[in-house]
Amino acid sequence: MKPSVLVLLFAFIPLTVRAQSTVHKAPPDKPLVAPVTQEIETEKIGAPATTPPPVTATVPPGTPGYLEPAQVKALLHKLWLTQFRINDLLAQLQPEKWRIPDVARKSFGQTLESLHQALSSEEDWRAQFDVRPDSLYLGFQTYAAINSVLPRLEGVAQSVAQYENPSFGGQYSQAANQLFDMQQALQPHVAFLLKNQDGVMLAAQTNLASCQNELGFAMHSRQEKATPMKNIAPVFKGGKHAQPATESAGGTKTDKSNQKQRSPDKTAIDKAAATSSQKSPPAK
């Protein structure tokens, strides 16, 4: 029986060892990780928005109010012909032969002189605008110069029709009507130039704002944080410092000057004691 028992023991021991080896070992405890601190919310600057396309210099054909440079030059040439016609009519005037009062003659002379000045100014602006037909400034000045010529020309036409010849005065009125028609033909082009210039300014302002936004977005991460400063009590120099108060026996602070004023004089006390001793009767 003993050999069989030994055989059974030797067969059972490897089985127990294998069973123990198949048992899963508990994983080691992981080291504790510190909790992540919550980030402070800061202002978030987004990417810059897209800017509108700039106003182009080229204008598509058929745009309302826009005139090609050749069309502007042709209109200004007609304006020059009208001015030449007006100057020719003014050269034929003979107001000194009119039978009118001196006051009216003087008033007509002033109107005629102002008309010549207005025509000269109009010709100056017209010549400059003919060189640069895309200039807003020159176009506006030409338009304004025509506007100053028209009322004076109408006044001369009325005086000529009244004091010289109605048909001759009608020629002045006809020239004034032609000048007014040219002004109305020039007005849409000037309005288009104004609108175009306003669009250019708006695009420039928008691009500037976009550049500022992009620069702020790029420099936001490069800015250093503010460092706190220590609170330091200021030291005042050059002033008079107050004298420290002395502590009395009871622990309260009293001023020396007040103490001197309140303490009685010793000589006064001695004199009062002497007078009281003299006045008191002797004891029996």
Protein backbone atom coordinates (compact mmCIF):
# COMPACT_ATOMS: atom_id res chain seq x y z
CA MET A 1 0.00 0.00 0.00
CA LYS A 2 2.80 2.43 0.65
CA PRO A 3 4.11 2.51 -2.90
CA SER A 4 0.63 3.26 -4.26
CA VAL A 5 0.18 6.08 -1.76
CA LEU A 6 3.47 7.62 -2.79
CA VAL A 7 2.52 7.46 -6.44
CA LEU A 8 -0.74 9.24 -5.70
CA LEU A 9 1.06 11.95 -3.75
CA PHE A 10 3.53 12.58 -6.57
CA ALA A 11 0.68 12.82 -9.06
CA PHE A 12 -1.36 15.24 -6.91
CA ILE A 13 1.44 17.74 -6.14
CA PRO A 14 1.97 18.94 -9.77
CA LEU A 15 -1.76 19.48 -10.16
CA THR A 16 -1.90 21.81 -7.15
CA VAL A 17 1.12 23.75 -8.38
CA ARG A 18 -0.49 24.25 -11.79
CA ALA A 19 -3.74 25.39 -10.20
CA GLN A 20 -1.94 27.98 -8.13
CA SER A 21 -0.07 29.28 -11.19
CA THR A 22 -3.31 29.76 -13.16
CA VAL A 23 -4.79 32.07 -10.49
CA HIS A 24 -4.66 35.67 -11.79
CA LYS A 25 -2.65 38.02 -9.72
CA ALA A 26 -4.24 41.36 -8.77
CA PRO A 27 -2.69 44.26 -10.72
CA PRO A 28 -0.56 46.62 -8.68
CA ASP A 29 -2.18 49.77 -7.49
CA LYS A 30 -1.65 52.68 -9.84
CA PRO A 31 -0.01 55.76 -8.38
CA LEU A 32 -2.38 58.51 -7.52
CA VAL A 33 -2.48 61.27 -10.12
CA ALA A 34 -3.13 64.78 -9.01
CA PRO A 35 -6.41 66.15 -10.34
CA VAL A 36 -6.09 68.47 -13.25
CA THR A 37 -6.84 72.02 -12.23
CA GLN A 38 -9.60 73.79 -14.14
CA GLU A 39 -8.28 76.33 -16.62
CA ILE A 40 -9.27 79.96 -16.16
CA GLU A 41 -11.57 81.12 -18.89
CA THR A 42 -10.04 83.92 -20.91
CA GLU A 43 -11.29 86.04 -23.73
CA LYS A 44 -11.20 84.13 -27.00
CA ILE A 45 -10.29 86.13 -30.09
CA GLY A 46 -11.60 84.50 -33.21
CA ALA A 47 -10.10 84.56 -36.65
CA PRO A 48 -10.71 87.77 -38.59
CA ALA A 49 -13.76 87.86 -40.80
CA THR A 50 -13.44 88.04 -44.53
CA THR A 51 -13.31 91.54 -45.95
CA PRO A 52 -15.37 92.61 -48.95
CA PRO A 53 -13.52 92.84 -52.25
CA PRO A 54 -12.09 96.29 -52.98
CA VAL A 55 -13.67 98.53 -55.54
CA THR A 56 -11.99 97.92 -58.86
CA ALA A 57 -10.83 100.70 -61.10
CA THR A 58 -12.48 99.20 -64.17
CA VAL A 59 -16.19 99.87 -64.58
CA PRO A 60 -18.33 97.46 -66.62
CA PRO A 61 -19.99 99.00 -69.66
CA GLY A 62 -23.60 100.02 -69.28
CA THR A 63 -23.26 101.21 -65.67
CA PRO A 64 -25.91 103.88 -64.96
CA GLY A 65 -24.43 107.38 -64.91
CA TYR A 66 -20.93 106.36 -65.96
CA LEU A 67 -19.40 108.05 -69.01
CA GLU A 68 -16.38 106.82 -70.84
CA PRO A 69 -13.44 109.26 -71.03
CA ALA A 70 -14.17 109.82 -74.74
CA GLN A 71 -17.80 110.67 -73.93
CA VAL A 72 -16.73 113.13 -71.24
CA LYS A 73 -14.33 114.82 -73.63
CA ALA A 74 -17.05 115.10 -76.28
CA LEU A 75 -19.41 116.70 -73.76
CA LEU A 76 -16.74 119.14 -72.62
CA HIS A 77 -16.06 120.09 -76.25
CA LYS A 78 -19.75 120.97 -76.67
CA LEU A 79 -19.48 123.02 -73.50
CA TRP A 80 -16.52 124.91 -74.98
CA LEU A 81 -18.54 125.66 -78.16
CA THR A 82 -21.39 127.02 -76.04
CA GLN A 83 -19.01 129.21 -74.08
CA PHE A 84 -17.54 130.51 -77.34
CA ARG A 85 -21.05 131.34 -78.56
CA ILE A 86 -21.86 133.22 -75.33
CA ASN A 87 -18.63 135.24 -75.52
CA ASP A 88 -19.43 136.10 -79.15
CA LEU A 89 -22.88 137.37 -78.15
CA LEU A 90 -21.42 139.40 -75.28
CA ALA A 91 -18.97 141.05 -77.66
CA GLN A 92 -21.93 142.43 -79.69
CA LEU A 93 -23.48 144.21 -76.73
CA GLN A 94 -23.62 148.03 -76.67
CA PRO A 95 -25.25 148.94 -73.34
CA GLU A 96 -23.99 152.52 -73.55
CA LYS A 97 -26.57 153.17 -76.32
CA TRP A 98 -29.50 151.99 -74.22
CA ARG A 99 -31.93 154.55 -72.90
CA ILE A 100 -32.09 153.39 -69.30
CA PRO A 101 -31.58 155.10 -65.92
CA ASP A 102 -28.07 155.31 -64.55
CA VAL A 103 -28.94 153.00 -61.66
CA ALA A 104 -30.11 150.26 -64.03
CA ARG A 105 -27.07 150.81 -66.27
CA LYS A 106 -24.76 150.42 -63.30
CA SER A 107 -26.54 147.27 -62.13
CA PHE A 108 -26.33 145.76 -65.62
CA GLY A 109 -22.61 146.57 -65.77
CA GLN A 110 -22.03 144.69 -62.51
CA THR A 111 -24.00 141.70 -63.78
CA LEU A 112 -22.07 141.68 -67.03
CA GLU A 113 -18.72 141.83 -65.22
CA SER A 114 -19.65 138.96 -62.90
CA LEU A 115 -20.77 136.93 -65.95
CA HIS A 116 -17.36 137.37 -67.60
CA GLN A 117 -15.64 136.23 -64.39
CA ALA A 118 -17.90 133.19 -64.10
CA LEU A 119 -17.24 132.23 -67.74
CA SER A 120 -13.47 132.54 -67.20
CA SER A 121 -13.62 130.32 -64.09
CA GLU A 122 -15.77 127.79 -65.94
CA GLU A 123 -13.27 127.58 -68.79
CA ASP A 124 -10.39 126.98 -66.35
CA TRP A 125 -12.17 124.08 -64.66
CA ARG A 126 -13.38 122.69 -67.99
CA ALA A 127 -9.83 122.60 -69.40
CA GLN A 128 -8.51 120.75 -66.32
CA PHE A 129 -11.40 118.31 -66.34
CA ASP A 130 -10.77 117.59 -70.04
CA VAL A 131 -7.26 116.41 -69.13
CA ARG A 132 -8.47 114.23 -66.24
CA PRO A 133 -12.04 113.09 -67.03
CA ASP A 134 -12.04 110.61 -64.11
CA SER A 135 -11.34 113.26 -61.45
CA LEU A 136 -14.17 113.76 -59.00
CA TYR A 137 -12.84 117.11 -57.80
CA LEU A 138 -12.51 118.62 -61.28
CA GLY A 139 -15.90 117.26 -62.35
CA PHE A 140 -17.61 118.80 -59.34
CA GLN A 141 -15.88 122.15 -59.84
CA THR A 142 -16.95 122.21 -63.52
CA TYR A 143 -20.52 121.41 -62.51
CA ALA A 144 -20.49 124.18 -59.88
CA ALA A 145 -18.99 126.67 -62.37
CA ILE A 146 -21.84 126.07 -64.81
CA ASN A 147 -24.29 126.59 -61.98
CA SER A 148 -22.79 130.03 -61.27
CA VAL A 149 -22.96 131.10 -64.96
CA LEU A 150 -26.63 130.27 -65.57
CA PRO A 151 -28.40 132.89 -63.35
CA ARG A 152 -26.13 135.71 -64.55
CA LEU A 153 -26.66 134.73 -68.19
CA GLU A 154 -30.44 134.73 -67.68
CA GLY A 155 -30.24 138.22 -66.18
CA VAL A 156 -28.30 139.51 -69.18
CA ALA A 157 -30.78 137.87 -71.58
CA GLN A 158 -33.72 139.62 -69.89
CA SER A 159 -32.00 143.01 -69.98
CA VAL A 160 -31.07 142.61 -73.67
CA ALA A 161 -34.61 141.57 -74.60
CA GLN A 162 -36.05 144.54 -72.67
CA TYR A 163 -33.73 147.37 -73.63
CA GLU A 164 -32.28 146.34 -77.05
CA ASN A 165 -34.01 143.61 -79.06
CA PRO A 166 -36.22 140.69 -77.99
CA SER A 167 -34.84 138.40 -80.71
CA PHE A 168 -31.29 139.21 -79.69
CA GLY A 169 -32.21 138.47 -76.09
CA GLY A 170 -33.69 135.15 -77.22
CA GLN A 171 -30.25 134.08 -78.48
CA TYR A 172 -28.87 134.52 -74.96
CA SER A 173 -31.74 132.46 -73.56
CA GLN A 174 -31.07 129.73 -76.13
CA ALA A 175 -27.39 129.59 -75.13
CA ALA A 176 -28.43 129.38 -71.47
CA ASN A 177 -30.74 126.44 -72.25
CA GLN A 178 -27.92 124.59 -74.02
CA LEU A 179 -25.62 125.20 -71.07
CA PHE A 180 -28.27 123.87 -68.68
CA ASP A 181 -28.72 120.70 -70.79
CA MET A 182 -24.98 120.02 -70.68
CA GLN A 183 -24.99 120.45 -66.92
CA GLN A 184 -27.79 117.91 -66.61
CA ALA A 185 -25.87 115.49 -68.85
CA LEU A 186 -22.77 115.87 -66.66
CA GLN A 187 -24.61 115.44 -63.36
CA PRO A 188 -25.02 111.59 -63.48
CA HIS A 189 -21.31 111.15 -64.18
CA VAL A 190 -20.36 113.36 -61.22
CA ALA A 191 -22.80 111.41 -59.03
CA PHE A 192 -21.19 108.14 -60.15
CA LEU A 193 -17.73 109.47 -59.29
CA LEU A 194 -19.00 110.44 -55.84
CA LYS A 195 -20.46 106.99 -55.28
CA ASN A 196 -17.29 105.29 -56.50
CA GLN A 197 -15.13 107.44 -54.22
CA ASP A 198 -17.38 106.61 -51.27
CA GLY A 199 -16.98 102.90 -52.05
CA VAL A 200 -13.20 103.25 -52.17
CA MET A 201 -13.17 104.96 -48.77
CA LEU A 202 -15.43 102.29 -47.29
CA ALA A 203 -13.18 99.51 -48.60
CA ALA A 204 -10.10 101.26 -47.20
CA GLN A 205 -11.70 101.61 -43.77
CA THR A 206 -12.81 97.96 -43.82
CA ASN A 207 -9.34 96.76 -44.80
CA LEU A 208 -7.78 98.88 -42.05
CA ALA A 209 -10.13 97.38 -39.46
CA SER A 210 -9.32 93.89 -40.75
CA CYS A 211 -5.57 94.56 -40.51
CA GLN A 212 -5.98 95.77 -36.94
CA ASN A 213 -7.97 92.65 -36.08
CA GLU A 214 -5.36 90.36 -37.63
CA LEU A 215 -2.55 92.17 -35.85
CA GLY A 216 -4.34 91.92 -32.50
CA PHE A 217 -5.00 88.20 -33.12
CA ALA A 218 -1.33 87.59 -33.94
CA MET A 219 0.04 89.60 -30.99
CA HIS A 220 -2.41 88.23 -28.42
CA SER A 221 -0.31 85.14 -27.64
CA ARG A 222 2.94 87.15 -27.45
CA GLN A 223 1.83 89.55 -24.78
CA GLU A 224 3.43 89.02 -21.35
CA LYS A 225 1.31 88.60 -18.27
CA ALA A 226 1.09 91.49 -15.86
CA THR A 227 3.30 91.14 -12.76
CA PRO A 228 1.78 92.25 -9.45
CA MET A 229 3.52 95.04 -7.55
CA LYS A 230 4.06 95.16 -3.81
CA ASN A 231 2.25 97.78 -1.76
CA ILE A 232 4.84 100.14 -0.30
CA ALA A 233 3.96 102.89 2.13
CA PRO A 234 5.12 106.24 0.77
CA VAL A 235 7.74 108.18 2.70
CA PHE A 236 7.22 111.93 2.74
CA LYS A 237 10.42 113.95 3.01
CA GLY A 238 10.86 117.60 3.85
CA GLY A 239 7.77 117.98 6.08
CA LYS A 240 7.56 118.68 9.81
CA HIS A 241 6.99 115.56 11.89
CA ALA A 242 4.65 115.72 14.89
CA GLN A 243 6.26 115.21 18.30
CA PRO A 244 5.44 111.85 19.91
CA ALA A 245 3.10 111.96 22.86
CA THR A 246 4.32 110.79 26.29
CA GLU A 247 2.58 108.08 28.22
CA SER A 248 1.26 108.97 31.65
CA ALA A 249 1.18 106.72 34.69
CA GLY A 250 -2.29 105.53 33.88
CA GLY A 251 -1.18 104.37 30.44
CA THR A 252 -2.76 107.24 28.50
CA LYS A 253 -0.78 109.50 26.18
CA THR A 254 -0.67 113.17 27.05
CA ASP A 255 1.00 116.05 25.32
CA LYS A 256 3.83 117.85 27.10
CA SER A 257 2.51 121.23 26.18
CA ASN A 258 -0.92 120.45 27.59
CA GLN A 259 0.69 119.03 30.72
CA LYS A 260 2.66 122.21 31.29
CA GLN A 261 -0.41 124.36 30.83
CA ARG A 262 -2.51 122.29 33.24
CA SER A 263 0.14 121.85 36.05
CA PRO A 264 -0.06 124.74 38.62
CA ASP A 265 3.00 126.85 39.37
CA LYS A 266 4.88 125.83 42.56
CA THR A 267 5.50 129.42 43.61
CA ALA A 268 1.79 130.20 43.44
CA ILE A 269 1.06 127.18 45.69
CA ASP A 270 3.64 128.29 48.28
CA LYS A 271 2.23 131.82 48.40
CA ALA A 272 -1.31 130.55 48.90
CA ALA A 273 -0.18 128.28 51.78
CA ALA A 274 1.66 131.17 53.52
CA THR A 275 -1.32 133.50 53.39
CA SER A 276 -3.65 130.82 54.72
CA SER A 277 -1.33 130.10 57.70
CA GLN A 278 -1.16 133.77 58.64
CA LYS A 279 -4.90 134.25 58.56
CA SER A 280 -5.77 131.12 60.58
CA PRO A 281 -5.97 131.66 64.43
CA PRO A 282 -3.55 129.80 66.68
CA ALA A 283 -4.79 126.60 68.21
CA LYS A 284 -5.69 126.63 71.97
